[in-house]
Each structure stands twice: as C-alpha cells, then as structure tokens.
Amino acid sequence: MYIAFSLTVVVAGLSMVAFAVRAYYRTSRPALFHLSVGFTCLVSASLATTISAFLLDFQGIRYLLSVNYLISTIGYLFIIFQLWKDD
C-alpha cells in the first residue's frame, strides 16, 4: 500500500513538472522554471524517502523524515518564490 501511494505521488508530481517545463518552454517565463524546480524537489523527496525506507528496513525514521522535510521545504520555497515573484 505504501509503495502504491508513493508511486501515485511521484506520477502526479512528475506530471506537474512536465506541465511546468512545457509552459516554461512556451513562454520563457522564469517563474515557471522555479515552479518546475519546486515540483522536482517535492517528487525527489517523496521518491528518495520511499526507496530509503525500504533499503534501511524502516530504521532511522527520524533521519529519513528530516531529510524528506528538508528537501520538501526547499521545493515549497521555490513554489512560494514563483508565486510571490509572479505578483
């Protein structure tokens, strides 16, 4: 079940990355580049956490979640920057 939900998040996130990259190529707006970087960080955090959890047999959960939150926060900051900059 955990893998299914993780894969769903990854597929949805990669779809958003693809939409943002396509929009960036069409418009050359830097804000869309920041948006695609933000979504890429979020997908990376989710995928890395899932893979690491299974490789480490779900040991060191605090460390895994801390790294996940760090990478996710960076992704959200890129998205926030895009929204703030686009005003």
PDB file of N, CA and C in Angstrom:
ATOM      1  N   MET A   1       0.829  -1.187   0.000  1.00  0.00           N
ATOM      2  CA  MET A   1       0.000   0.000   0.000  1.00  0.00           C
ATOM      3  C   MET A   1       0.877   1.255   0.000  1.00  0.00           C
ATOM      4  N   TYR A   2       1.944   1.211   0.809  1.00  0.00           N
ATOM      5  CA  TYR A   2       2.859   2.348   0.900  1.00  0.00           C
ATOM      6  C   TYR A   2       3.492   2.638  -0.456  1.00  0.00           C
ATOM      7  N   ILE A   3       3.904   1.589  -1.157  1.00  0.00           N
ATOM      8  CA  ILE A   3       4.520   1.758  -2.471  1.00  0.00           C
ATOM      9  C   ILE A   3       3.518   2.320  -3.472  1.00  0.00           C
ATOM     10  N   ALA A   4       2.292   1.850  -3.420  1.00  0.00           N
ATOM     11  CA  ALA A   4       1.263   2.335  -4.352  1.00  0.00           C
ATOM     12  C   ALA A   4       1.010   3.826  -4.157  1.00  0.00           C
ATOM     13  N   PHE A   5       0.897   4.247  -2.912  1.00  0.00           N
ATOM     14  CA  PHE A   5       0.671   5.677  -2.655  1.00  0.00           C
ATOM     15  C   PHE A   5       1.886   6.509  -3.047  1.00  0.00           C
ATOM     16  N   SER A   6       3.066   5.982  -2.787  1.00  0.00           N
ATOM     17  CA  SER A   6       4.286   6.700  -3.157  1.00  0.00           C
ATOM     18  C   SER A   6       4.385   6.859  -4.666  1.00  0.00           C
ATOM     19  N   LEU A   7       4.092   5.806  -5.392  1.00  0.00           N
ATOM     20  CA  LEU A   7       4.136   5.882  -6.851  1.00  0.00           C
ATOM     21  C   LEU A   7       3.088   6.849  -7.393  1.00  0.00           C
ATOM     22  N   THR A   8       1.928   6.889  -6.762  1.00  0.00           N
ATOM     23  CA  THR A   8       0.890   7.833  -7.173  1.00  0.00           C
ATOM     24  C   THR A   8       1.359   9.271  -6.998  1.00  0.00           C
ATOM     25  N   VAL A   9       2.006   9.547  -5.872  1.00  0.00           N
ATOM     26  CA  VAL A   9       2.541  10.889  -5.622  1.00  0.00           C
ATOM     27  C   VAL A   9       3.623  11.227  -6.647  1.00  0.00           C
ATOM     28  N   VAL A  10       4.482  10.274  -6.955  1.00  0.00           N
ATOM     29  CA  VAL A  10       5.557  10.503  -7.917  1.00  0.00           C
ATOM     30  C   VAL A  10       4.992  10.773  -9.314  1.00  0.00           C
ATOM     31  N   VAL A  11       4.033   9.983  -9.741  1.00  0.00           N
ATOM     32  CA  VAL A  11       3.439  10.181 -11.072  1.00  0.00           C
ATOM     33  C   VAL A  11       2.730  11.530 -11.152  1.00  0.00           C
ATOM     34  N   ALA A  12       1.974  11.874 -10.127  1.00  0.00           N
ATOM     35  CA  ALA A  12       1.290  13.172 -10.117  1.00  0.00           C
ATOM     36  C   ALA A  12       2.303  14.314 -10.107  1.00  0.00           C
ATOM     37  N   GLY A  13       3.345  14.171  -9.312  1.00  0.00           N
ATOM     38  CA  GLY A  13       4.368  15.208  -9.238  1.00  0.00           C
ATOM     39  C   GLY A  13       5.120  15.367 -10.548  1.00  0.00           C
ATOM     40  N   LEU A  14       5.480  14.255 -11.176  1.00  0.00           N
ATOM     41  CA  LEU A  14       6.170  14.339 -12.458  1.00  0.00           C
ATOM     42  C   LEU A  14       5.278  14.935 -13.543  1.00  0.00           C
ATOM     43  N   SER A  15       3.980  14.706 -13.438  1.00  0.00           N
ATOM     44  CA  SER A  15       3.046  15.337 -14.374  1.00  0.00           C
ATOM     45  C   SER A  15       3.080  16.851 -14.209  1.00  0.00           C
ATOM     46  N   MET A  16       3.096  17.313 -12.967  1.00  0.00           N
ATOM     47  CA  MET A  16       3.166  18.756 -12.722  1.00  0.00           C
ATOM     48  C   MET A  16       4.487  19.330 -13.207  1.00  0.00           C
ATOM     49  N   VAL A  17       5.573  18.583 -13.030  1.00  0.00           N
ATOM     50  CA  VAL A  17       6.875  19.028 -13.543  1.00  0.00           C
ATOM     51  C   VAL A  17       6.806  19.159 -15.061  1.00  0.00           C
ATOM     52  N   ALA A  18       6.234  18.169 -15.733  1.00  0.00           N
ATOM     53  CA  ALA A  18       6.135  18.207 -17.191  1.00  0.00           C
ATOM     54  C   ALA A  18       5.301  19.394 -17.660  1.00  0.00           C
ATOM     55  N   PHE A  19       4.194  19.662 -16.979  1.00  0.00           N
ATOM     56  CA  PHE A  19       3.357  20.808 -17.353  1.00  0.00           C
ATOM     57  C   PHE A  19       4.113  22.119 -17.171  1.00  0.00           C
ATOM     58  N   ALA A  20       4.841  22.235 -16.067  1.00  0.00           N
ATOM     59  CA  ALA A  20       5.584  23.467 -15.788  1.00  0.00           C
ATOM     60  C   ALA A  20       6.718  23.665 -16.780  1.00  0.00           C
ATOM     61  N   VAL A  21       7.422  22.591 -17.117  1.00  0.00           N
ATOM     62  CA  VAL A  21       8.523  22.692 -18.080  1.00  0.00           C
ATOM     63  C   VAL A  21       7.986  23.055 -19.465  1.00  0.00           C
ATOM     64  N   ARG A  22       6.909  22.413 -19.862  1.00  0.00           N
ATOM     65  CA  ARG A  22       6.304  22.731 -21.158  1.00  0.00           C
ATOM     66  C   ARG A  22       5.863  24.188 -21.216  1.00  0.00           C
ATOM     67  N   ALA A  23       5.249  24.674 -20.145  1.00  0.00           N
ATOM     68  CA  ALA A  23       4.823  26.074 -20.094  1.00  0.00           C
ATOM     69  C   ALA A  23       6.033  27.013 -20.117  1.00  0.00           C
ATOM     70  N   TYR A  24       7.117  26.606 -19.454  1.00  0.00           N
ATOM     71  CA  TYR A  24       8.333  27.425 -19.471  1.00  0.00           C
ATOM     72  C   TYR A  24       8.891  27.532 -20.880  1.00  0.00           C
ATOM     73  N   TYR A  25       8.954  26.405 -21.598  1.00  0.00           N
ATOM     74  CA  TYR A  25       9.469  26.436 -22.967  1.00  0.00           C
ATOM     75  C   TYR A  25       8.587  27.278 -23.882  1.00  0.00           C
ATOM     76  N   ARG A  26       7.293  27.256 -23.658  1.00  0.00           N
ATOM     77  CA  ARG A  26       6.372  28.036 -24.491  1.00  0.00           C
ATOM     78  C   ARG A  26       6.433  29.529 -24.204  1.00  0.00           C
ATOM     79  N   THR A  27       6.653  29.896 -22.935  1.00  0.00           N
ATOM     80  CA  THR A  27       6.564  31.304 -22.552  1.00  0.00           C
ATOM     81  C   THR A  27       7.897  31.929 -22.154  1.00  0.00           C
ATOM     82  N   SER A  28       8.875  31.118 -21.803  1.00  0.00           N
ATOM     83  CA  SER A  28      10.188  31.581 -21.309  1.00  0.00           C
ATOM     84  C   SER A  28      10.077  32.426 -20.043  1.00  0.00           C
ATOM     85  N   ARG A  29       9.036  32.213 -19.281  1.00  0.00           N
ATOM     86  CA  ARG A  29       8.864  32.938 -18.012  1.00  0.00           C
ATOM     87  C   ARG A  29       9.676  32.247 -16.925  1.00  0.00           C
ATOM     88  N   PRO A  30      10.590  32.987 -16.283  1.00  0.00           N
ATOM     89  CA  PRO A  30      11.426  32.395 -15.239  1.00  0.00           C
ATOM     90  C   PRO A  30      10.622  31.806 -14.071  1.00  0.00           C
ATOM     91  N   ALA A  31       9.457  32.374 -13.809  1.00  0.00           N
ATOM     92  CA  ALA A  31       8.629  31.872 -12.705  1.00  0.00           C
ATOM     93  C   ALA A  31       8.244  30.414 -12.937  1.00  0.00           C
ATOM     94  N   LEU A  32       8.021  30.034 -14.163  1.00  0.00           N
ATOM     95  CA  LEU A  32       7.654  28.652 -14.465  1.00  0.00           C
ATOM     96  C   LEU A  32       8.851  27.715 -14.280  1.00  0.00           C
ATOM     97  N   PHE A  33      10.047  28.228 -14.492  1.00  0.00           N
ATOM     98  CA  PHE A  33      11.246  27.437 -14.204  1.00  0.00           C
ATOM     99  C   PHE A  33      11.330  27.153 -12.710  1.00  0.00           C
ATOM    100  N   HIS A  34      11.094  28.179 -11.880  1.00  0.00           N
ATOM    101  CA  HIS A  34      11.109  27.987 -10.427  1.00  0.00           C
ATOM    102  C   HIS A  34      10.037  26.988  -9.994  1.00  0.00           C
ATOM    103  N   LEU A  35       8.903  27.058 -10.631  1.00  0.00           N
ATOM    104  CA  LEU A  35       7.821  26.131 -10.320  1.00  0.00           C
ATOM    105  C   LEU A  35       8.236  24.693 -10.643  1.00  0.00           C
ATOM    106  N   SER A  36       8.863  24.484 -11.782  1.00  0.00           N
ATOM    107  CA  SER A  36       9.286  23.126 -12.152  1.00  0.00           C
ATOM    108  C   SER A  36      10.371  22.613 -11.208  1.00  0.00           C
ATOM    109  N   VAL A  37      11.279  23.486 -10.764  1.00  0.00           N
ATOM    110  CA  VAL A  37      12.307  23.071  -9.803  1.00  0.00           C
ATOM    111  C   VAL A  37      11.653  22.689  -8.471  1.00  0.00           C
ATOM    112  N   GLY A  38      10.686  23.469  -8.045  1.00  0.00           N
ATOM    113  CA  GLY A  38       9.979  23.169  -6.800  1.00  0.00           C
ATOM    114  C   GLY A  38       9.281  21.827  -6.841  1.00  0.00           C
ATOM    115  N   PHE A  39       8.567  21.562  -7.928  1.00  0.00           N
ATOM    116  CA  PHE A  39       7.881  20.278  -8.055  1.00  0.00           C
ATOM    117  C   PHE A  39       8.886  19.120  -8.154  1.00  0.00           C
ATOM    118  N   THR A  40      10.014  19.355  -8.815  1.00  0.00           N
ATOM    119  CA  THR A  40      11.039  18.324  -8.915  1.00  0.00           C
ATOM    120  C   THR A  40      11.588  17.975  -7.534  1.00  0.00           C
ATOM    121  N   CYS A  41      11.807  18.986  -6.702  1.00  0.00           N
ATOM    122  CA  CYS A  41      12.279  18.730  -5.331  1.00  0.00           C
ATOM    123  C   CYS A  41      11.259  17.922  -4.541  1.00  0.00           C
ATOM    124  N   LEU A  42       9.996  18.244  -4.691  1.00  0.00           N
ATOM    125  CA  LEU A  42       8.958  17.510  -3.966  1.00  0.00           C
ATOM    126  C   LEU A  42       8.895  16.047  -4.407  1.00  0.00           C
ATOM    127  N   VAL A  43       8.981  15.822  -5.704  1.00  0.00           N
ATOM    128  CA  VAL A  43       8.973  14.445  -6.206  1.00  0.00           C
ATOM    129  C   VAL A  43      10.217  13.700  -5.732  1.00  0.00           C
ATOM    130  N   SER A  44      11.363  14.366  -5.782  1.00  0.00           N
ATOM    131  CA  SER A  44      12.614  13.741  -5.338  1.00  0.00           C
ATOM    132  C   SER A  44      12.551  13.352  -3.872  1.00  0.00           C
ATOM    133  N   ALA A  45      12.005  14.230  -3.046  1.00  0.00           N
ATOM    134  CA  ALA A  45      11.892  13.943  -1.617  1.00  0.00           C
ATOM    135  C   ALA A  45      11.010  12.723  -1.381  1.00  0.00           C
ATOM    136  N   SER A  46       9.900  12.670  -2.069  1.00  0.00           N
ATOM    137  CA  SER A  46       8.984  11.544  -1.896  1.00  0.00           C
ATOM    138  C   SER A  46       9.609  10.234  -2.359  1.00  0.00           C
ATOM    139  N   LEU A  47      10.213  10.249  -3.528  1.00  0.00           N
ATOM    140  CA  LEU A  47      10.811   9.040  -4.072  1.00  0.00           C
ATOM    141  C   LEU A  47      12.008   8.581  -3.241  1.00  0.00           C
ATOM    142  N   ALA A  48      12.853   9.512  -2.855  1.00  0.00           N
ATOM    143  CA  ALA A  48      14.034   9.162  -2.052  1.00  0.00           C
ATOM    144  C   ALA A  48      13.639   8.601  -0.693  1.00  0.00           C
ATOM    145  N   THR A  49      12.600   9.146  -0.094  1.00  0.00           N
ATOM    146  CA  THR A  49      12.145   8.647   1.204  1.00  0.00           C
ATOM    147  C   THR A  49      11.625   7.219   1.088  1.00  0.00           C
ATOM    148  N   THR A  50      10.853   6.954   0.044  1.00  0.00           N
ATOM    149  CA  THR A  50      10.311   5.611  -0.144  1.00  0.00           C
ATOM    150  C   THR A  50      11.429   4.593  -0.367  1.00  0.00           C
ATOM    151  N   ILE A  51      12.342   4.919  -1.260  1.00  0.00           N
ATOM    152  CA  ILE A  51      13.441   3.991  -1.553  1.00  0.00           C
ATOM    153  C   ILE A  51      14.313   3.788  -0.311  1.00  0.00           C
ATOM    154  N   SER A  52      14.650   4.870   0.363  1.00  0.00           N
ATOM    155  CA  SER A  52      15.494   4.774   1.559  1.00  0.00           C
ATOM    156  C   SER A  52      14.820   3.989   2.673  1.00  0.00           C
ATOM    157  N   ALA A  53      13.532   4.172   2.831  1.00  0.00           N
ATOM    158  CA  ALA A  53      12.813   3.454   3.881  1.00  0.00           C
ATOM    159  C   ALA A  53      12.924   1.946   3.680  1.00  0.00           C
ATOM    160  N   PHE A  54      12.759   1.501   2.439  1.00  0.00           N
ATOM    161  CA  PHE A  54      12.855   0.068   2.181  1.00  0.00           C
ATOM    162  C   PHE A  54      14.294  -0.426   2.251  1.00  0.00           C
ATOM    163  N   LEU A  55      15.242   0.358   1.764  1.00  0.00           N
ATOM    164  CA  LEU A  55      16.649  -0.054   1.833  1.00  0.00           C
ATOM    165  C   LEU A  55      17.141  -0.150   3.268  1.00  0.00           C
ATOM    166  N   LEU A  56      16.653   0.738   4.128  1.00  0.00           N
ATOM    167  CA  LEU A  56      17.079   0.760   5.526  1.00  0.00           C
ATOM    168  C   LEU A  56      16.132  -0.022   6.440  1.00  0.00           C
ATOM    169  N   ASP A  57      15.211  -0.760   5.825  1.00  0.00           N
ATOM    170  CA  ASP A  57      14.256  -1.585   6.563  1.00  0.00           C
ATOM    171  C   ASP A  57      13.485  -0.760   7.607  1.00  0.00           C
ATOM    172  N   PHE A  58      13.135   0.455   7.218  1.00  0.00           N
ATOM    173  CA  PHE A  58      12.352   1.378   8.045  1.00  0.00           C
ATOM    174  C   PHE A  58      13.019   1.684   9.384  1.00  0.00           C
ATOM    175  N   GLN A  59      14.350   1.657   9.390  1.00  0.00           N
ATOM    176  CA  GLN A  59      15.117   2.077  10.565  1.00  0.00           C
ATOM    177  C   GLN A  59      15.557   3.515  10.340  1.00  0.00           C
ATOM    178  N   GLY A  60      15.771   4.248  11.402  1.00  0.00           N
ATOM    179  CA  GLY A  60      16.218   5.635  11.278  1.00  0.00           C
ATOM    180  C   GLY A  60      15.155   6.544  10.688  1.00  0.00           C
ATOM    181  N   ILE A  61      13.929   6.325  11.104  1.00  0.00           N
ATOM    182  CA  ILE A  61      12.804   7.078  10.549  1.00  0.00           C
ATOM    183  C   ILE A  61      12.965   8.580  10.770  1.00  0.00           C
ATOM    184  N   ARG A  62      13.483   8.986  11.916  1.00  0.00           N
ATOM    185  CA  ARG A  62      13.670  10.420  12.179  1.00  0.00           C
ATOM    186  C   ARG A  62      14.596  11.041  11.150  1.00  0.00           C
ATOM    187  N   TYR A  63      15.663  10.336  10.833  1.00  0.00           N
ATOM    188  CA  TYR A  63      16.602  10.838   9.832  1.00  0.00           C
ATOM    189  C   TYR A  63      15.941  10.912   8.458  1.00  0.00           C
ATOM    190  N   LEU A  64      15.229   9.847   8.080  1.00  0.00           N
ATOM    191  CA  LEU A  64      14.545   9.826   6.787  1.00  0.00           C
ATOM    192  C   LEU A  64      13.550  10.972   6.662  1.00  0.00           C
ATOM    193  N   LEU A  65      12.754  11.163   7.705  1.00  0.00           N
ATOM    194  CA  LEU A  65      11.755  12.220   7.653  1.00  0.00           C
ATOM    195  C   LEU A  65      12.389  13.606   7.682  1.00  0.00           C
ATOM    196  N   SER A  66      13.490  13.740   8.403  1.00  0.00           N
ATOM    197  CA  SER A  66      14.180  15.037   8.443  1.00  0.00           C
ATOM    198  C   SER A  66      14.709  15.416   7.061  1.00  0.00           C
ATOM    199  N   VAL A  67      15.307  14.451   6.379  1.00  0.00           N
ATOM    200  CA  VAL A  67      15.801  14.715   5.023  1.00  0.00           C
ATOM    201  C   VAL A  67      14.630  14.997   4.083  1.00  0.00           C
ATOM    202  N   ASN A  68      13.562  14.224   4.229  1.00  0.00           N
ATOM    203  CA  ASN A  68      12.361  14.458   3.418  1.00  0.00           C
ATOM    204  C   ASN A  68      11.841  15.873   3.624  1.00  0.00           C
ATOM    205  N   TYR A  69      11.727  16.280   4.871  1.00  0.00           N
ATOM    206  CA  TYR A  69      11.203  17.617   5.153  1.00  0.00           C
ATOM    207  C   TYR A  69      12.136  18.711   4.647  1.00  0.00           C
ATOM    208  N   LEU A  70      13.440  18.479   4.722  1.00  0.00           N
ATOM    209  CA  LEU A  70      14.394  19.471   4.217  1.00  0.00           C
ATOM    210  C   LEU A  70      14.225  19.664   2.712  1.00  0.00           C
ATOM    211  N   ILE A  71      14.220  18.560   1.972  1.00  0.00           N
ATOM    212  CA  ILE A  71      14.092  18.649   0.515  1.00  0.00           C
ATOM    213  C   ILE A  71      12.712  19.182   0.128  1.00  0.00           C
ATOM    214  N   SER A  72      11.667  18.749   0.834  1.00  0.00           N
ATOM    215  CA  SER A  72      10.319  19.253   0.559  1.00  0.00           C
ATOM    216  C   SER A  72      10.220  20.742   0.838  1.00  0.00           C
ATOM    217  N   THR A  73      10.827  21.196   1.912  1.00  0.00           N
ATOM    218  CA  THR A  73      10.805  22.624   2.242  1.00  0.00           C
ATOM    219  C   THR A  73      11.483  23.442   1.156  1.00  0.00           C
ATOM    220  N   ILE A  74      12.599  22.955   0.643  1.00  0.00           N
ATOM    221  CA  ILE A  74      13.277  23.652  -0.455  1.00  0.00           C
ATOM    222  C   ILE A  74      12.354  23.722  -1.669  1.00  0.00           C
ATOM    223  N   GLY A  75      11.673  22.628  -1.966  1.00  0.00           N
ATOM    224  CA  GLY A  75      10.721  22.615  -3.077  1.00  0.00           C
ATOM    225  C   GLY A  75       9.592  23.606  -2.879  1.00  0.00           C
ATOM    226  N   TYR A  76       9.034  23.615  -1.678  1.00  0.00           N
ATOM    227  CA  TYR A  76       7.958  24.568  -1.396  1.00  0.00           C
ATOM    228  C   TYR A  76       8.443  26.009  -1.472  1.00  0.00           C
ATOM    229  N   LEU A  77       9.679  26.255  -1.064  1.00  0.00           N
ATOM    230  CA  LEU A  77      10.229  27.614  -1.150  1.00  0.00           C
ATOM    231  C   LEU A  77      10.342  28.070  -2.602  1.00  0.00           C
ATOM    232  N   PHE A  78      10.733  27.161  -3.494  1.00  0.00           N
ATOM    233  CA  PHE A  78      10.763  27.509  -4.918  1.00  0.00           C
ATOM    234  C   PHE A  78       9.360  27.839  -5.420  1.00  0.00           C
ATOM    235  N   ILE A  79       8.372  27.057  -5.000  1.00  0.00           N
ATOM    236  CA  ILE A  79       6.994  27.301  -5.432  1.00  0.00           C
ATOM    237  C   ILE A  79       6.487  28.624  -4.868  1.00  0.00           C
ATOM    238  N   ILE A  80       6.758  28.881  -3.594  1.00  0.00           N
ATOM    239  CA  ILE A  80       6.352  30.146  -2.974  1.00  0.00           C
ATOM    240  C   ILE A  80       7.035  31.313  -3.673  1.00  0.00           C
ATOM    241  N   PHE A  81       8.331  31.168  -3.972  1.00  0.00           N
ATOM    242  CA  PHE A  81       9.060  32.219  -4.663  1.00  0.00           C
ATOM    243  C   PHE A  81       8.414  32.522  -6.010  1.00  0.00           C
ATOM    244  N   GLN A  82       8.018  31.466  -6.713  1.00  0.00           N
ATOM    245  CA  GLN A  82       7.356  31.646  -8.008  1.00  0.00           C
ATOM    246  C   GLN A  82       6.064  32.412  -7.843  1.00  0.00           C
ATOM    247  N   LEU A  83       5.281  32.068  -6.842  1.00  0.00           N
ATOM    248  CA  LEU A  83       4.000  32.750  -6.633  1.00  0.00           C
ATOM    249  C   LEU A  83       4.218  34.187  -6.191  1.00  0.00           C
ATOM    250  N   TRP A  84       5.194  34.395  -5.338  1.00  0.00           N
ATOM    251  CA  TRP A  84       5.487  35.754  -4.855  1.00  0.00           C
ATOM    252  C   TRP A  84       6.053  36.611  -5.983  1.00  0.00           C
ATOM    253  N   LYS A  85       6.954  36.047  -6.750  1.00  0.00           N
ATOM    254  CA  LYS A  85       7.618  36.780  -7.839  1.00  0.00           C
ATOM    255  C   LYS A  85       6.647  37.103  -8.961  1.00  0.00           C
ATOM    256  N   ASP A  86       5.646  36.257  -9.147  1.00  0.00           N
ATOM    257  CA  ASP A  86       4.696  36.429 -10.246  1.00  0.00           C
ATOM    258  C   ASP A  86       3.666  37.517  -9.974  1.00  0.00           C
ATOM    259  N   ASP A  87       3.616  38.022  -8.736  1.00  0.00           N
ATOM    260  CA  ASP A  87       2.631  39.073  -8.395  1.00  0.00           C
ATOM    261  C   ASP A  87       2.801  40.323  -9.154  1.00  0.00           C
TER     262      ASP A  87
END
